[in-house]
Protein backbone atom coordinates (compact mmCIF):
# COMPACT_ATOMS: atom_id res chain seq x y z
CA MET A 1 15.76 93.04 75.38
CA PHE A 2 19.51 94.19 73.48
CA GLU A 3 20.67 90.77 75.07
CA GLN A 4 18.33 88.28 72.97
CA ASP A 5 18.55 91.12 70.29
CA TYR A 6 22.55 90.64 69.98
CA ILE A 7 21.07 86.33 70.62
CA MET A 8 19.23 86.67 67.62
CA ARG A 9 21.87 87.54 65.42
CA VAL A 10 24.42 85.84 66.41
CA ILE A 11 22.41 82.55 65.43
CA LYS A 12 21.50 84.16 63.38
CA GLU A 13 25.16 84.75 61.63
CA LEU A 14 26.08 80.98 62.08
CA VAL A 15 24.11 79.34 60.51
CA ARG A 16 24.50 81.69 57.52
CA VAL A 17 28.77 81.14 58.22
CA ILE A 18 27.82 77.25 58.35
CA LEU A 19 25.48 77.25 55.47
CA LYS A 20 27.94 78.89 52.69
CA LEU A 21 31.24 77.15 54.70
CA VAL A 22 29.32 73.44 53.94
CA PHE A 23 26.90 73.70 51.35
CA ARG A 24 28.49 77.32 49.48
CA ILE A 25 25.52 79.37 50.08
CA GLU A 26 25.46 82.46 50.52
CA THR A 27 22.55 84.33 50.80
CA ASP A 28 20.82 86.35 54.73
CA ASN A 29 16.78 85.30 53.94
CA PRO A 30 17.18 80.87 54.01
CA SER A 31 13.77 79.42 53.06
CA ALA A 32 12.95 76.26 51.95
CA GLU A 33 14.23 76.43 48.32
CA LEU A 34 17.26 75.36 49.64
CA LEU A 35 17.09 72.21 49.82
CA GLU A 36 16.94 69.67 46.23
CA ASP A 37 14.63 66.65 48.23
CA GLU A 38 11.22 67.32 47.56
CA GLU A 39 9.47 65.02 51.42
CA ARG A 40 12.58 67.48 53.34
CA GLN A 41 10.33 70.48 51.54
CA GLY A 42 7.37 69.72 53.06
CA LEU A 43 8.08 68.66 56.41
CA LEU A 44 10.34 72.18 56.80
CA SER A 45 7.20 73.17 55.72
CA GLU A 46 5.57 71.46 57.50
CA LEU A 47 7.09 72.29 60.71
CA LEU A 48 6.92 75.57 60.07
CA VAL A 49 3.20 75.21 60.19
CA MET A 50 3.97 74.18 63.36
CA VAL A 51 5.65 77.02 65.49
CA ASP A 52 2.98 79.25 63.72
CA GLY A 53 0.67 77.52 64.90
CA GLY A 54 2.63 77.37 68.73
CA GLU A 55 3.40 73.89 68.86
CA ILE A 56 7.07 75.22 68.83
CA ASN A 57 8.99 72.18 71.15
CA GLU A 58 6.67 69.20 69.02
CA ALA A 59 7.95 70.10 65.61
CA GLU A 60 11.79 70.80 68.28
CA ASN A 61 10.64 67.41 68.93
CA ARG A 62 10.41 66.48 65.51
CA ILE A 63 13.33 67.95 64.21
CA LEU A 64 16.15 66.14 66.49
CA GLU A 65 14.82 62.92 64.73
CA ALA A 66 14.48 63.86 61.60
CA ALA A 67 18.23 64.65 61.80
CA ASP A 68 19.88 61.39 61.01
CA GLY A 69 23.42 62.68 60.06
CA GLY A 70 22.81 63.63 56.79
CA SER A 71 23.85 66.69 55.48
CA ALA A 72 20.50 67.51 54.01
CA ASP A 73 18.68 66.95 57.95
CA LEU A 74 21.79 69.52 58.50
CA LYS A 75 20.31 71.83 56.56
CA LEU A 76 16.62 71.46 57.08
CA ALA A 77 18.08 72.04 60.52
CA LEU A 78 19.99 74.82 60.44
CA LEU A 79 16.23 76.00 57.92
CA PHE A 80 14.44 75.47 60.88
CA TYR A 81 16.06 77.15 63.08
CA SER A 82 16.31 80.10 61.27
CA TYR A 83 12.80 80.72 61.18
CA LEU A 84 12.48 80.19 65.05
CA ASN A 85 15.05 82.80 65.01
CA ASP A 86 13.30 84.94 63.22
CA LYS A 87 10.26 84.83 65.74
CA ASP A 88 9.83 87.48 68.04
CA ASP A 89 10.24 86.62 71.74
CA VAL A 90 6.68 87.84 72.92
CA PHE A 91 5.34 84.90 70.05
CA LEU A 92 8.91 82.82 71.45
CA GLN A 93 7.58 83.42 75.55
CA LYS A 94 3.85 82.93 73.94
CA HIS A 95 4.67 79.50 73.09
CA ASN A 96 7.16 78.65 76.54
CA PHE A 97 10.20 79.09 74.39
CA SER A 98 13.35 81.01 74.96
CA ARG A 99 16.13 82.12 72.47
CA GLU A 100 18.09 80.31 74.97
CA GLU A 101 16.30 77.24 73.60
CA ILE A 102 16.81 77.84 69.70
CA LYS A 103 20.56 78.45 70.64
CA SER A 104 20.83 75.35 72.72
CA GLY A 105 18.79 72.94 70.30
CA LEU A 106 21.14 74.33 67.72
CA GLU A 107 25.01 73.91 69.86
CA LEU A 108 23.16 70.04 70.27
CA LEU A 109 22.27 69.93 65.82
CA ILE A 110 25.69 71.19 64.88
CA SER A 111 27.65 68.99 67.38
CA ARG A 112 26.26 65.91 65.34
CA TYR A 113 27.13 67.17 62.18
CA GLY A 114 30.87 67.92 63.61
CA LEU A 115 30.71 71.39 63.69
CA SER A 116 30.37 72.24 66.89
CA GLU A 117 33.91 74.31 67.37
CA MET A 118 32.35 76.78 65.12
CA ALA A 119 28.99 76.87 66.92
CA GLU A 120 31.63 76.80 70.17
CA VAL A 121 33.38 80.21 68.24
CA PHE A 122 29.70 81.60 67.73
CA LEU A 123 27.69 80.94 70.93
CA ARG A 124 30.08 80.65 73.11
CA ASP A 125 30.23 84.27 74.93
CA ILE A 126 26.23 84.44 74.83
């Protein structure tokens, strides 16, 4: 339990730091309003509905497909993983997902944007 809480806090802090350093956005509660593009807001809304409906793997696959290297896609991915990270372990387990998978997906996407060193600083010990 303690380990999962620790991983959750580290992921939250990583998302917060990237939003601050890359986008100059300071927030403790990232949300869709941070996306300027209505199309991406709509996509994020769809993905969050999928997550809430237990289709986490499918939603993650869509976020991985949508991330083409643009900074708006990085922001979209950060908001997606932040939302997913806020789900409790019971919910994640019920839908065959884990905090470790959140960490792995976030690492993969962050590396696509050339920020893998930053992710490594946060995630290497968890």
